[in-house]
């Protein structure tokens, strides 16, 4: 596992050295491309509210919903 971390950090250092050698416009281009890549990754990893549909439904299978709601409303008074 350590070799992967070392290998990864070595690659990052090498990439940073390469970026250091670029002129400002090329650095901005690299930055823009990285930002775009991250945005695409974040969109793929987003959860949607509809993904929660049915979550916890087993909690309600043996419960009288109307009695539960009435009990909750009584607690408000």
Protein backbone atom coordinates (compact mmCIF):
# COMPACT_ATOMS: atom_id res chain seq x y z
CA UNK A 1 0.00 0.00 0.00
CA UNK A 2 2.83 2.36 0.84
CA UNK A 3 4.34 1.93 -2.63
CA UNK A 4 1.10 3.16 -4.24
CA UNK A 5 1.14 6.27 -2.04
CA UNK A 6 4.80 6.88 -2.76
CA UNK A 7 4.26 6.26 -6.43
CA UNK A 8 1.30 8.63 -6.49
CA UNK A 9 3.12 11.41 -4.68
CA UNK A 10 6.13 10.94 -6.96
CA UNK A 11 3.87 11.35 -9.99
CA UNK A 12 2.28 14.45 -8.52
CA UNK A 13 5.70 15.99 -7.84
CA UNK A 14 6.76 15.22 -11.41
CA UNK A 15 3.57 16.78 -12.79
CA UNK A 16 4.07 19.87 -10.62
CA UNK A 17 7.62 20.27 -11.91
CA UNK A 18 6.31 20.04 -15.47
CA UNK A 19 3.64 22.64 -14.71
CA UNK A 20 6.29 24.87 -13.16
CA UNK A 21 8.12 24.94 -16.48
CA UNK A 22 5.04 26.19 -18.37
CA UNK A 23 4.32 29.81 -19.14
CA UNK A 24 1.37 31.52 -17.44
CA UNK A 25 -1.09 30.96 -20.30
CA UNK A 26 -0.31 27.25 -20.44
CA UNK A 27 -0.68 27.00 -16.66
CA UNK A 28 -4.10 28.61 -16.90
CA UNK A 29 -5.02 26.13 -19.62
CA UNK A 30 -3.96 23.22 -17.39
CA UNK A 31 -5.93 24.67 -14.49
CA UNK A 32 -9.04 25.11 -16.64
CA UNK A 33 -8.80 21.52 -17.83
CA UNK A 34 -8.41 20.21 -14.27
CA UNK A 35 -11.40 22.24 -13.08
CA UNK A 36 -13.51 20.90 -15.96
CA UNK A 37 -12.40 17.35 -15.19
CA UNK A 38 -13.35 17.78 -11.51
CA UNK A 39 -16.74 19.26 -12.39
CA UNK A 40 -17.51 16.25 -14.58
CA UNK A 41 -16.45 13.89 -11.79
CA UNK A 42 -18.57 15.72 -9.20
CA UNK A 43 -21.66 15.61 -11.42
CA UNK A 44 -21.30 11.84 -11.79
CA UNK A 45 -20.99 11.38 -8.02
CA UNK A 46 -23.96 13.53 -7.02
CA UNK A 47 -26.87 11.91 -5.26
CA UNK A 48 -30.42 12.66 -6.20
CA UNK A 49 -33.34 12.97 -3.84
CA UNK A 50 -35.13 10.24 -5.77
CA UNK A 51 -32.33 7.84 -4.72
CA UNK A 52 -33.85 7.94 -1.22
CA UNK A 53 -37.22 6.60 -2.35
CA UNK A 54 -38.29 3.68 -0.17
CA UNK A 55 -35.46 4.16 2.31
CA UNK A 56 -36.66 3.08 5.76
CA UNK A 57 -40.01 1.81 4.55
CA UNK A 58 -39.60 -1.32 6.66
CA UNK A 59 -39.97 0.90 9.74
CA UNK A 60 -43.59 1.54 8.83
CA UNK A 61 -44.74 -1.99 7.89
CA UNK A 62 -46.23 -2.90 11.31
CA UNK A 63 -47.27 0.57 12.38
CA UNK A 64 -50.68 2.23 12.22
CA UNK A 65 -49.84 5.42 10.33
CA UNK A 66 -53.03 7.26 11.36
CA UNK A 67 -52.44 6.47 15.04
CA UNK A 68 -48.81 7.59 14.74
CA UNK A 69 -49.81 10.92 13.17
CA UNK A 70 -52.55 11.47 15.76
CA UNK A 71 -50.05 10.78 18.53
CA UNK A 72 -47.57 13.25 17.05
CA UNK A 73 -50.25 15.92 16.70
CA UNK A 74 -51.31 15.39 20.31
CA UNK A 75 -47.70 15.95 21.37
CA UNK A 76 -47.78 19.44 19.80
CA UNK A 77 -50.51 20.64 22.16
